[in-house]
Amino acid sequence: KEHQLKRQINSIQERTSRMHKQHASKKEAAEQALESANREWADVDAERETTEEQVGQAELLARAEREKLQRLRVQHEAEVANIQQKRERLVDQVHTYHKQLLSSIQAS
């Protein structure tokens, strides 16, 4: 009977030892998976921060370009209006000159 108890104790000890090894192995695998997930999270977070920074810079650049475009558009419209005024004055001057020339020719 004592022999049987020793075998049962040995069997239980072996089973306990295996379970401890399995537990240690699973714990190590879980820790490695957690470390890997944490590294991946840090990489993704860093990439997100970089992307947000790039988006912010792009938005600033786009806003600056829109403002520049608006300034150039206003400047262009002013230049076009100025040229049109000069053209109208020139047309009036040419018209007046032709009238005076025709009057001079008729008076001669």
PDB file of N, CA and C in Angstrom:
ATOM      1  N   LYS A   1       0.823  -1.191   0.000  1.00  0.00           N
ATOM      2  CA  LYS A   1       0.000   0.000   0.000  1.00  0.00           C
ATOM      3  C   LYS A   1       0.866   1.253   0.000  1.00  0.00           C
ATOM      4  N   GLU A   2       1.952   1.212   0.735  1.00  0.00           N
ATOM      5  CA  GLU A   2       2.858   2.356   0.773  1.00  0.00           C
ATOM      6  C   GLU A   2       3.471   2.601  -0.598  1.00  0.00           C
ATOM      7  N   HIS A   3       3.768   1.527  -1.273  1.00  0.00           N
ATOM      8  CA  HIS A   3       4.322   1.632  -2.626  1.00  0.00           C
ATOM      9  C   HIS A   3       3.331   2.326  -3.556  1.00  0.00           C
ATOM     10  N   GLN A   4       2.085   1.984  -3.425  1.00  0.00           N
ATOM     11  CA  GLN A   4       1.040   2.579  -4.254  1.00  0.00           C
ATOM     12  C   GLN A   4       0.917   4.073  -3.949  1.00  0.00           C
ATOM     13  N   LEU A   5       0.993   4.446  -2.703  1.00  0.00           N
ATOM     14  CA  LEU A   5       0.920   5.859  -2.325  1.00  0.00           C
ATOM     15  C   LEU A   5       2.116   6.629  -2.886  1.00  0.00           C
ATOM     16  N   LYS A   6       3.278   6.028  -2.859  1.00  0.00           N
ATOM     17  CA  LYS A   6       4.473   6.685  -3.407  1.00  0.00           C
ATOM     18  C   LYS A   6       4.309   6.914  -4.910  1.00  0.00           C
ATOM     19  N   ARG A   7       3.747   5.905  -5.581  1.00  0.00           N
ATOM     20  CA  ARG A   7       3.514   6.061  -7.028  1.00  0.00           C
ATOM     21  C   ARG A   7       2.511   7.185  -7.286  1.00  0.00           C
ATOM     22  N   GLN A   8       1.472   7.247  -6.503  1.00  0.00           N
ATOM     23  CA  GLN A   8       0.473   8.309  -6.671  1.00  0.00           C
ATOM     24  C   GLN A   8       1.101   9.681  -6.399  1.00  0.00           C
ATOM     25  N   ILE A   9       1.928   9.731  -5.368  1.00  0.00           N
ATOM     26  CA  ILE A   9       2.603  11.002  -5.053  1.00  0.00           C
ATOM     27  C   ILE A   9       3.533  11.390  -6.195  1.00  0.00           C
ATOM     28  N   ASN A  10       4.300  10.418  -6.704  1.00  0.00           N
ATOM     29  CA  ASN A  10       5.189  10.685  -7.839  1.00  0.00           C
ATOM     30  C   ASN A  10       4.386  11.143  -9.056  1.00  0.00           C
ATOM     31  N   SER A  11       3.287  10.470  -9.309  1.00  0.00           N
ATOM     32  CA  SER A  11       2.433  10.816 -10.444  1.00  0.00           C
ATOM     33  C   SER A  11       1.895  12.243 -10.296  1.00  0.00           C
ATOM     34  N   ILE A  12       1.455  12.571  -9.090  1.00  0.00           N
ATOM     35  CA  ILE A  12       0.925  13.912  -8.836  1.00  0.00           C
ATOM     36  C   ILE A  12       2.034  14.949  -8.967  1.00  0.00           C
ATOM     37  N   GLN A  13       3.209  14.630  -8.483  1.00  0.00           N
ATOM     38  CA  GLN A  13       4.337  15.556  -8.579  1.00  0.00           C
ATOM     39  C   GLN A  13       4.730  15.782 -10.038  1.00  0.00           C
ATOM     40  N   GLU A  14       4.759  14.707 -10.824  1.00  0.00           N
ATOM     41  CA  GLU A  14       5.078  14.824 -12.248  1.00  0.00           C
ATOM     42  C   GLU A  14       4.031  15.674 -12.960  1.00  0.00           C
ATOM     43  N   ARG A  15       2.771  15.408 -12.667  1.00  0.00           N
ATOM     44  CA  ARG A  15       1.689  16.172 -13.275  1.00  0.00           C
ATOM     45  C   ARG A  15       1.783  17.652 -12.874  1.00  0.00           C
ATOM     46  N   THR A  16       2.059  17.902 -11.620  1.00  0.00           N
ATOM     47  CA  THR A  16       2.203  19.274 -11.122  1.00  0.00           C
ATOM     48  C   THR A  16       3.384  19.960 -11.806  1.00  0.00           C
ATOM     49  N   SER A  17       4.490  19.223 -11.947  1.00  0.00           N
ATOM     50  CA  SER A  17       5.673  19.762 -12.608  1.00  0.00           C
ATOM     51  C   SER A  17       5.369  20.124 -14.061  1.00  0.00           C
ATOM     52  N   ARG A  18       4.677  19.208 -14.766  1.00  0.00           N
ATOM     53  CA  ARG A  18       4.281  19.478 -16.158  1.00  0.00           C
ATOM     54  C   ARG A  18       3.381  20.710 -16.234  1.00  0.00           C
ATOM     55  N   MET A  19       2.443  20.794 -15.310  1.00  0.00           N
ATOM     56  CA  MET A  19       1.512  21.927 -15.308  1.00  0.00           C
ATOM     57  C   MET A  19       2.269  23.237 -15.053  1.00  0.00           C
ATOM     58  N   HIS A  20       3.247  23.211 -14.160  1.00  0.00           N
ATOM     59  CA  HIS A  20       4.048  24.402 -13.892  1.00  0.00           C
ATOM     60  C   HIS A  20       4.840  24.801 -15.143  1.00  0.00           C
ATOM     61  N   LYS A  21       5.420  23.803 -15.813  1.00  0.00           N
ATOM     62  CA  LYS A  21       6.170  24.086 -17.038  1.00  0.00           C
ATOM     63  C   LYS A  21       5.251  24.658 -18.113  1.00  0.00           C
ATOM     64  N   GLN A  22       4.070  24.038 -18.271  1.00  0.00           N
ATOM     65  CA  GLN A  22       3.105  24.539 -19.251  1.00  0.00           C
ATOM     66  C   GLN A  22       2.681  25.966 -18.906  1.00  0.00           C
ATOM     67  N   HIS A  23       2.413  26.194 -17.639  1.00  0.00           N
ATOM     68  CA  HIS A  23       2.018  27.519 -17.187  1.00  0.00           C
ATOM     69  C   HIS A  23       3.125  28.538 -17.481  1.00  0.00           C
ATOM     70  N   ALA A  24       4.377  28.162 -17.157  1.00  0.00           N
ATOM     71  CA  ALA A  24       5.513  29.061 -17.391  1.00  0.00           C
ATOM     72  C   ALA A  24       5.663  29.344 -18.881  1.00  0.00           C
ATOM     73  N   SER A  25       5.489  28.297 -19.697  1.00  0.00           N
ATOM     74  CA  SER A  25       5.607  28.453 -21.140  1.00  0.00           C
ATOM     75  C   SER A  25       4.504  29.382 -21.680  1.00  0.00           C
ATOM     76  N   LYS A  26       3.276  29.151 -21.223  1.00  0.00           N
ATOM     77  CA  LYS A  26       2.152  29.993 -21.653  1.00  0.00           C
ATOM     78  C   LYS A  26       2.324  31.428 -21.173  1.00  0.00           C
ATOM     79  N   LYS A  27       2.825  31.585 -19.945  1.00  0.00           N
ATOM     80  CA  LYS A  27       3.041  32.923 -19.389  1.00  0.00           C
ATOM     81  C   LYS A  27       4.090  33.661 -20.214  1.00  0.00           C
ATOM     82  N   GLU A  28       5.181  32.956 -20.559  1.00  0.00           N
ATOM     83  CA  GLU A  28       6.234  33.577 -21.366  1.00  0.00           C
ATOM     84  C   GLU A  28       5.703  33.962 -22.751  1.00  0.00           C
ATOM     85  N   ALA A  29       4.915  33.079 -23.356  1.00  0.00           N
ATOM     86  CA  ALA A  29       4.339  33.384 -24.666  1.00  0.00           C
ATOM     87  C   ALA A  29       3.403  34.593 -24.570  1.00  0.00           C
ATOM     88  N   ALA A  30       2.604  34.665 -23.513  1.00  0.00           N
ATOM     89  CA  ALA A  30       1.690  35.785 -23.326  1.00  0.00           C
ATOM     90  C   ALA A  30       2.463  37.083 -23.109  1.00  0.00           C
ATOM     91  N   GLU A  31       3.544  37.022 -22.341  1.00  0.00           N
ATOM     92  CA  GLU A  31       4.354  38.210 -22.100  1.00  0.00           C
ATOM     93  C   GLU A  31       5.003  38.696 -23.393  1.00  0.00           C
ATOM     94  N   GLN A  32       5.487  37.747 -24.198  1.00  0.00           N
ATOM     95  CA  GLN A  32       6.086  38.112 -25.481  1.00  0.00           C
ATOM     96  C   GLN A  32       5.040  38.726 -26.413  1.00  0.00           C
ATOM     97  N   ALA A  33       3.849  38.141 -26.422  1.00  0.00           N
ATOM     98  CA  ALA A  33       2.777  38.688 -27.252  1.00  0.00           C
ATOM     99  C   ALA A  33       2.399  40.088 -26.790  1.00  0.00           C
ATOM    100  N   LEU A  34       2.348  40.296 -25.477  1.00  0.00           N
ATOM    101  CA  LEU A  34       2.035  41.619 -24.940  1.00  0.00           C
ATOM    102  C   LEU A  34       3.120  42.626 -25.306  1.00  0.00           C
ATOM    103  N   GLU A  35       4.380  42.227 -25.169  1.00  0.00           N
ATOM    104  CA  GLU A  35       5.487  43.118 -25.555  1.00  0.00           C
ATOM    105  C   GLU A  35       5.404  43.475 -27.035  1.00  0.00           C
ATOM    106  N   SER A  36       5.122  42.477 -27.847  1.00  0.00           N
ATOM    107  CA  SER A  36       4.996  42.703 -29.288  1.00  0.00           C
ATOM    108  C   SER A  36       3.839  43.664 -29.582  1.00  0.00           C
ATOM    109  N   ALA A  37       2.713  43.443 -28.920  1.00  0.00           N
ATOM    110  CA  ALA A  37       1.550  44.317 -29.116  1.00  0.00           C
ATOM    111  C   ALA A  37       1.861  45.735 -28.653  1.00  0.00           C
ATOM    112  N   ASN A  38       2.574  45.869 -27.543  1.00  0.00           N
ATOM    113  CA  ASN A  38       2.951  47.196 -27.047  1.00  0.00           C
ATOM    114  C   ASN A  38       3.890  47.910 -28.015  1.00  0.00           C
ATOM    115  N   ARG A  39       4.849  47.169 -28.585  1.00  0.00           N
ATOM    116  CA  ARG A  39       5.758  47.769 -29.577  1.00  0.00           C
ATOM    117  C   ARG A  39       4.975  48.205 -30.814  1.00  0.00           C
ATOM    118  N   GLU A  40       4.072  47.333 -31.252  1.00  0.00           N
ATOM    119  CA  GLU A  40       3.257  47.659 -32.425  1.00  0.00           C
ATOM    120  C   GLU A  40       2.383  48.890 -32.140  1.00  0.00           C
ATOM    121  N   TRP A  41       1.813  48.942 -30.946  1.00  0.00           N
ATOM    122  CA  TRP A  41       0.983  50.096 -30.552  1.00  0.00           C
ATOM    123  C   TRP A  41       1.830  51.371 -30.576  1.00  0.00           C
ATOM    124  N   ALA A  42       3.046  51.295 -30.026  1.00  0.00           N
ATOM    125  CA  ALA A  42       3.930  52.466 -30.003  1.00  0.00           C
ATOM    126  C   ALA A  42       4.278  52.901 -31.427  1.00  0.00           C
ATOM    127  N   ASP A  43       4.535  51.933 -32.318  1.00  0.00           N
ATOM    128  CA  ASP A  43       4.838  52.256 -33.708  1.00  0.00           C
ATOM    129  C   ASP A  43       3.653  52.931 -34.383  1.00  0.00           C
ATOM    130  N   VAL A  44       2.475  52.373 -34.174  1.00  0.00           N
ATOM    131  CA  VAL A  44       1.264  52.940 -34.780  1.00  0.00           C
ATOM    132  C   VAL A  44       1.000  54.342 -34.223  1.00  0.00           C
ATOM    133  N   ASP A  45       1.186  54.501 -32.921  1.00  0.00           N
ATOM    134  CA  ASP A  45       0.967  55.808 -32.289  1.00  0.00           C
ATOM    135  C   ASP A  45       1.950  56.839 -32.835  1.00  0.00           C
ATOM    136  N   ALA A  46       3.206  56.443 -32.991  1.00  0.00           N
ATOM    137  CA  ALA A  46       4.217  57.352 -33.550  1.00  0.00           C
ATOM    138  C   ALA A  46       3.868  57.714 -34.984  1.00  0.00           C
ATOM    139  N   GLU A  47       3.412  56.733 -35.750  1.00  0.00           N
ATOM    140  CA  GLU A  47       3.019  56.988 -37.143  1.00  0.00           C
ATOM    141  C   GLU A  47       1.816  57.935 -37.193  1.00  0.00           C
ATOM    142  N   ARG A  48       0.872  57.745 -36.262  1.00  0.00           N
ATOM    143  CA  ARG A  48      -0.293  58.622 -36.205  1.00  0.00           C
ATOM    144  C   ARG A  48       0.133  60.058 -35.899  1.00  0.00           C
ATOM    145  N   GLU A  49       1.035  60.213 -34.936  1.00  0.00           N
ATOM    146  CA  GLU A  49       1.514  61.546 -34.590  1.00  0.00           C
ATOM    147  C   GLU A  49       2.205  62.203 -35.777  1.00  0.00           C
ATOM    148  N   THR A  50       3.043  61.445 -36.471  1.00  0.00           N
ATOM    149  CA  THR A  50       3.734  61.971 -37.652  1.00  0.00           C
ATOM    150  C   THR A  50       2.728  62.376 -38.723  1.00  0.00           C
ATOM    151  N   THR A  51       1.736  61.529 -38.940  1.00  0.00           N
ATOM    152  CA  THR A  51       0.716  61.822 -39.952  1.00  0.00           C
ATOM    153  C   THR A  51      -0.081  63.064 -39.573  1.00  0.00           C
ATOM    154  N   GLU A  52      -0.448  63.183 -38.298  1.00  0.00           N
ATOM    155  CA  GLU A  52      -1.189  64.367 -37.855  1.00  0.00           C
ATOM    156  C   GLU A  52      -0.353  65.634 -38.048  1.00  0.00           C
ATOM    157  N   GLU A  53       0.932  65.531 -37.770  1.00  0.00           N
ATOM    158  CA  GLU A  53       1.820  66.677 -37.963  1.00  0.00           C
ATOM    159  C   GLU A  53       1.904  67.048 -39.443  1.00  0.00           C
ATOM    160  N   GLN A  54       2.024  66.043 -40.298  1.00  0.00           N
ATOM    161  CA  GLN A  54       2.091  66.296 -41.741  1.00  0.00           C
ATOM    162  C   GLN A  54       0.783  66.901 -42.243  1.00  0.00           C
ATOM    163  N   VAL A  55      -0.341  66.402 -41.738  1.00  0.00           N
ATOM    164  CA  VAL A  55      -1.638  66.940 -42.135  1.00  0.00           C
ATOM    165  C   VAL A  55      -1.741  68.398 -41.695  1.00  0.00           C
ATOM    166  N   GLY A  56      -1.303  68.682 -40.479  1.00  0.00           N
ATOM    167  CA  GLY A  56      -1.331  70.063 -39.989  1.00  0.00           C
ATOM    168  C   GLY A  56      -0.490  70.982 -40.858  1.00  0.00           C
ATOM    169  N   GLN A  57       0.693  70.524 -41.226  1.00  0.00           N
ATOM    170  CA  GLN A  57       1.563  71.319 -42.089  1.00  0.00           C
ATOM    171  C   GLN A  57       0.941  71.503 -43.465  1.00  0.00           C
ATOM    172  N   ALA A  58       0.333  70.459 -43.986  1.00  0.00           N
ATOM    173  CA  ALA A  58      -0.316  70.545 -45.295  1.00  0.00           C
ATOM    174  C   ALA A  58      -1.487  71.519 -45.251  1.00  0.00           C
ATOM    175  N   GLU A  59      -2.242  71.503 -44.152  1.00  0.00           N
ATOM    176  CA  GLU A  59      -3.366  72.428 -44.016  1.00  0.00           C
ATOM    177  C   GLU A  59      -2.869  73.872 -43.952  1.00  0.00           C
ATOM    178  N   LEU A  60      -1.784  74.102 -43.217  1.00  0.00           N
ATOM    179  CA  LEU A  60      -1.210  75.454 -43.169  1.00  0.00           C
ATOM    180  C   LEU A  60      -0.748  75.907 -44.549  1.00  0.00           C
ATOM    181  N   LEU A  61      -0.086  75.010 -45.254  1.00  0.00           N
ATOM    182  CA  LEU A  61       0.384  75.325 -46.601  1.00  0.00           C
ATOM    183  C   LEU A  61      -0.793  75.600 -47.535  1.00  0.00           C
ATOM    184  N   ALA A  62      -1.827  74.777 -47.447  1.00  0.00           N
ATOM    185  CA  ALA A  62      -3.003  74.967 -48.303  1.00  0.00           C
ATOM    186  C   ALA A  62      -3.669  76.302 -47.997  1.00  0.00           C
ATOM    187  N   ARG A  63      -3.780  76.646 -46.711  1.00  0.00           N
ATOM    188  CA  ARG A  63      -4.390  77.922 -46.335  1.00  0.00           C
ATOM    189  C   ARG A  63      -3.561  79.084 -46.883  1.00  0.00           C
ATOM    190  N   ALA A  64      -2.245  78.989 -46.750  1.00  0.00           N
ATOM    191  CA  ALA A  64      -1.357  80.039 -47.263  1.00  0.00           C
ATOM    192  C   ALA A  64      -1.504  80.168 -48.775  1.00  0.00           C
ATOM    193  N   GLU A  65      -1.608  79.040 -49.453  1.00  0.00           N
ATOM    194  CA  GLU A  65      -1.761  79.074 -50.918  1.00  0.00           C
ATOM    195  C   GLU A  65      -3.113  79.679 -51.318  1.00  0.00           C
ATOM    196  N   ARG A  66      -4.173  79.358 -50.565  1.00  0.00           N
ATOM    197  CA  ARG A  66      -5.489  79.949 -50.867  1.00  0.00           C
ATOM    198  C   ARG A  66      -5.457  81.461 -50.660  1.00  0.00           C
ATOM    199  N   GLU A  67      -4.808  81.892 -49.581  1.00  0.00           N
ATOM    200  CA  GLU A  67      -4.699  83.326 -49.319  1.00  0.00           C
ATOM    201  C   GLU A  67      -3.886  84.012 -50.412  1.00  0.00           C
ATOM    202  N   LYS A  68      -2.802  83.389 -50.825  1.00  0.00           N
ATOM    203  CA  LYS A  68      -1.980  83.945 -51.903  1.00  0.00           C
ATOM    204  C   LYS A  68      -2.788  84.025 -53.196  1.00  0.00           C
ATOM    205  N   LEU A  69      -3.523  82.967 -53.486  1.00  0.00           N
ATOM    206  CA  LEU A  69      -4.355  82.951 -54.691  1.00  0.00           C
ATOM    207  C   LEU A  69      -5.385  84.079 -54.646  1.00  0.00           C
ATOM    208  N   GLN A  70      -6.005  84.285 -53.497  1.00  0.00           N
ATOM    209  CA  GLN A  70      -6.995  85.348 -53.346  1.00  0.00           C
ATOM    210  C   GLN A  70      -6.345  86.718 -53.563  1.00  0.00           C
ATOM    211  N   ARG A  71      -5.155  86.931 -52.953  1.00  0.00           N
ATOM    212  CA  ARG A  71      -4.446  88.205 -53.151  1.00  0.00           C
ATOM    213  C   ARG A  71      -4.119  88.426 -54.620  1.00  0.00           C
ATOM    214  N   LEU A  72      -3.635  87.381 -55.282  1.00  0.00           N
ATOM    215  CA  LEU A  72      -3.288  87.495 -56.701  1.00  0.00           C
ATOM    216  C   LEU A  72      -4.529  87.746 -57.552  1.00  0.00           C
ATOM    217  N   ARG A  73      -5.651  87.115 -57.181  1.00  0.00           N
ATOM    218  CA  ARG A  73      -6.891  87.311 -57.917  1.00  0.00           C
ATOM    219  C   ARG A  73      -7.351  88.774 -57.798  1.00  0.00           C
ATOM    220  N   VAL A  74      -7.305  89.311 -56.591  1.00  0.00           N
ATOM    221  CA  VAL A  74      -7.692  90.711 -56.368  1.00  0.00           C
ATOM    222  C   VAL A  74      -6.753  91.633 -57.138  1.00  0.00           C
ATOM    223  N   GLN A  75      -5.464  91.351 -57.060  1.00  0.00           N
ATOM    224  CA  GLN A  75      -4.476  92.162 -57.783  1.00  0.00           C
ATOM    225  C   GLN A  75      -4.724  92.095 -59.287  1.00  0.00           C
ATOM    226  N   HIS A  76      -4.994  90.910 -59.795  1.00  0.00           N
ATOM    227  CA  HIS A  76      -5.249  90.739 -61.222  1.00  0.00           C
ATOM    228  C   HIS A  76      -6.496  91.515 -61.648  1.00  0.00           C
ATOM    229  N   GLU A  77      -7.554  91.406 -60.853  1.00  0.00           N
ATOM    230  CA  GLU A  77      -8.785  92.119 -61.191  1.00  0.00           C
ATOM    231  C   GLU A  77      -8.564  93.622 -61.195  1.00  0.00           C
ATOM    232  N   ALA A  78      -7.751  94.122 -60.263  1.00  0.00           N
ATOM    233  CA  ALA A  78      -7.441  95.552 -60.221  1.00  0.00           C
ATOM    234  C   ALA A  78      -6.645  95.963 -61.459  1.00  0.00           C
ATOM    235  N   GLU A  79      -5.693  95.132 -61.838  1.00  0.00           N
ATOM    236  CA  GLU A  79      -4.892  95.433 -63.028  1.00  0.00           C
ATOM    237  C   GLU A  79      -5.755  95.416 -64.288  1.00  0.00           C
ATOM    238  N   VAL A  80      -6.652  94.446 -64.378  1.00  0.00           N
ATOM    239  CA  VAL A  80      -7.546  94.364 -65.542  1.00  0.00           C
ATOM    240  C   VAL A  80      -8.446  95.600 -65.596  1.00  0.00           C
ATOM    241  N   ALA A  81      -8.994  96.015 -64.448  1.00  0.00           N
ATOM    242  CA  ALA A  81      -9.850  97.200 -64.400  1.00  0.00           C
ATOM    243  C   ALA A  81      -9.062  98.437 -64.804  1.00  0.00           C
ATOM    244  N   ASN A  82      -7.823  98.545 -64.342  1.00  0.00           N
ATOM    245  CA  ASN A  82      -6.971  99.680 -64.701  1.00  0.00           C
ATOM    246  C   ASN A  82      -6.709  99.708 -66.205  1.00  0.00           C
ATOM    247  N   ILE A  83      -6.403  98.554 -66.772  1.00  0.00           N
ATOM    248  CA  ILE A  83      -6.151  98.466 -68.217  1.00  0.00           C
ATOM    249  C   ILE A  83      -7.413  98.835 -69.001  1.00  0.00           C
ATOM    250  N   GLN A  84      -8.571  98.380 -68.541  1.00  0.00           N
ATOM    251  CA  GLN A  84      -9.821  98.718 -69.225  1.00  0.00           C
ATOM    252  C   GLN A  84     -10.086 100.220 -69.180  1.00  0.00           C
ATOM    253  N   GLN A  85      -9.809 100.854 -68.039  1.00  0.00           N
ATOM    254  CA  GLN A  85      -9.979 102.310 -67.938  1.00  0.00           C
ATOM    255  C   GLN A  85      -9.052 103.026 -68.910  1.00  0.00           C
ATOM    256  N   LYS A  86      -7.792 102.583 -68.962  1.00  0.00           N
ATOM    257  CA  LYS A  86      -6.828 103.193 -69.884  1.00  0.00           C
ATOM    258  C   LYS A  86      -7.275 103.007 -71.330  1.00  0.00           C
ATOM    259  N   ARG A  87      -7.799 101.835 -71.635  1.00  0.00           N
ATOM    260  CA  ARG A  87      -8.286 101.564 -72.992  1.00  0.00           C
ATOM    261  C   ARG A  87      -9.436 102.499 -73.336  1.00  0.00           C
ATOM    262  N   GLU A  88     -10.387 102.664 -72.392  1.00  0.00           N
ATOM    263  CA  GLU A  88     -11.526 103.542 -72.637  1.00  0.00           C
ATOM    264  C   GLU A  88     -11.077 104.986 -72.835  1.00  0.00           C
ATOM    265  N   ARG A  89     -10.085 105.440 -72.040  1.00  0.00           N
ATOM    266  CA  ARG A  89      -9.563 106.799 -72.222  1.00  0.00           C
ATOM    267  C   ARG A  89      -8.890 106.940 -73.580  1.00  0.00           C
ATOM    268  N   LEU A  90      -8.148 105.907 -73.975  1.00  0.00           N
ATOM    269  CA  LEU A  90      -7.477 105.945 -75.276  1.00  0.00           C
ATOM    270  C   LEU A  90      -8.497 105.992 -76.405  1.00  0.00           C
ATOM    271  N   VAL A  91      -9.557 105.176 -76.284  1.00  0.00           N
ATOM    272  CA  VAL A  91     -10.611 105.185 -77.303  1.00  0.00           C
ATOM    273  C   VAL A  91     -11.230 106.583 -77.386  1.00  0.00           C
ATOM    274  N   ASP A  92     -11.514 107.209 -76.231  1.00  0.00           N
ATOM    275  CA  ASP A  92     -12.078 108.569 -76.212  1.00  0.00           C
ATOM    276  C   ASP A  92     -11.113 109.572 -76.833  1.00  0.00           C
ATOM    277  N   GLN A  93      -9.826 109.428 -76.514  1.00  0.00           N
ATOM    278  CA  GLN A  93      -8.829 110.359 -77.065  1.00  0.00           C
ATOM    279  C   GLN A  93      -8.720 110.201 -78.581  1.00  0.00           C
ATOM    280  N   VAL A  94      -8.728 108.964 -79.044  1.00  0.00           N
ATOM    281  CA  VAL A  94      -8.651 108.715 -80.496  1.00  0.00           C
ATOM    282  C   VAL A  94      -9.899 109.264 -81.174  1.00  0.00           C
ATOM    283  N   HIS A  95     -11.038 109.066 -80.557  1.00  0.00           N
ATOM    284  CA  HIS A  95     -12.297 109.576 -81.114  1.00  0.00           C
ATOM    285  C   HIS A  95     -12.246 111.116 -81.194  1.00  0.00           C
ATOM    286  N   THR A  96     -11.788 111.747 -80.116  1.00  0.00           N
ATOM    287  CA  THR A  96     -11.664 113.218 -80.101  1.00  0.00           C
ATOM    288  C   THR A  96     -10.669 113.670 -81.158  1.00  0.00           C
ATOM    289  N   TYR A  97      -9.549 112.972 -81.271  1.00  0.00           N
ATOM    290  CA  TYR A  97      -8.539 113.323 -82.271  1.00  0.00           C
ATOM    291  C   TYR A  97      -9.111 113.225 -83.676  1.00  0.00           C
ATOM    292  N   HIS A  98      -9.866 112.167 -83.951  1.00  0.00           N
ATOM    293  CA  HIS A  98     -10.450 112.010 -85.282  1.00  0.00           C
ATOM    294  C   HIS A  98     -11.452 113.124 -85.582  1.00  0.00           C
ATOM    295  N   LYS A  99     -12.235 113.520 -84.585  1.00  0.00           N
ATOM    296  CA  LYS A  99     -13.183 114.626 -84.779  1.00  0.00           C
ATOM    297  C   LYS A  99     -12.439 115.909 -85.113  1.00  0.00           C
ATOM    298  N   GLN A 100     -11.374 116.175 -84.330  1.00  0.00           N
ATOM    299  CA  GLN A 100     -10.593 117.392 -84.566  1.00  0.00           C
ATOM    300  C   GLN A 100      -9.917 117.341 -85.926  1.00  0.00           C
ATOM    301  N   LEU A 101      -9.396 116.194 -86.302  1.00  0.00           N
ATOM    302  CA  LEU A 101      -8.741 116.044 -87.605  1.00  0.00           C
ATOM    303  C   LEU A 101      -9.745 116.252 -88.721  1.00  0.00           C
ATOM    304  N   LEU A 102     -10.939 115.697 -88.579  1.00  0.00           N
ATOM    305  CA  LEU A 102     -11.972 115.854 -89.596  1.00  0.00           C
ATOM    306  C   LEU A 102     -12.420 117.321 -89.689  1.00  0.00           C
ATOM    307  N   SER A 103     -12.525 117.997 -88.536  1.00  0.00           N
ATOM    308  CA  SER A 103     -12.885 119.412 -88.533  1.00  0.00           C
ATOM    309  C   SER A 103     -11.813 120.245 -89.224  1.00  0.00           C
ATOM    310  N   SER A 104     -10.555 119.925 -88.955  1.00  0.00           N
ATOM    311  CA  SER A 104      -9.455 120.665 -89.581  1.00  0.00           C
ATOM    312  C   SER A 104      -9.446 120.471 -91.085  1.00  0.00           C
ATOM    313  N   ILE A 105      -9.716 119.240 -91.503  1.00  0.00           N
ATOM    314  CA  ILE A 105      -9.714 118.947 -92.942  1.00  0.00           C
ATOM    315  C   ILE A 105     -10.874 119.679 -93.618  1.00  0.00           C
ATOM    316  N   GLN A 106     -12.029 119.668 -92.964  1.00  0.00           N
ATOM    317  CA  GLN A 106     -13.189 120.338 -93.539  1.00  0.00           C
ATOM    318  C   GLN A 106     -13.031 121.863 -93.547  1.00  0.00           C
ATOM    319  N   ALA A 107     -12.293 122.412 -92.553  1.00  0.00           N
ATOM    320  CA  ALA A 107     -12.100 123.858 -92.484  1.00  0.00           C
ATOM    321  C   ALA A 107     -11.088 124.307 -93.509  1.00  0.00           C
ATOM    322  N   SER A 108     -10.243 123.438 -93.963  1.00  0.00           N
ATOM    323  CA  SER A 108      -9.203 123.839 -94.921  1.00  0.00           C
ATOM    324  C   SER A 108      -9.699 124.018 -96.303  1.00  0.00           C
TER     325      SER A 108
END
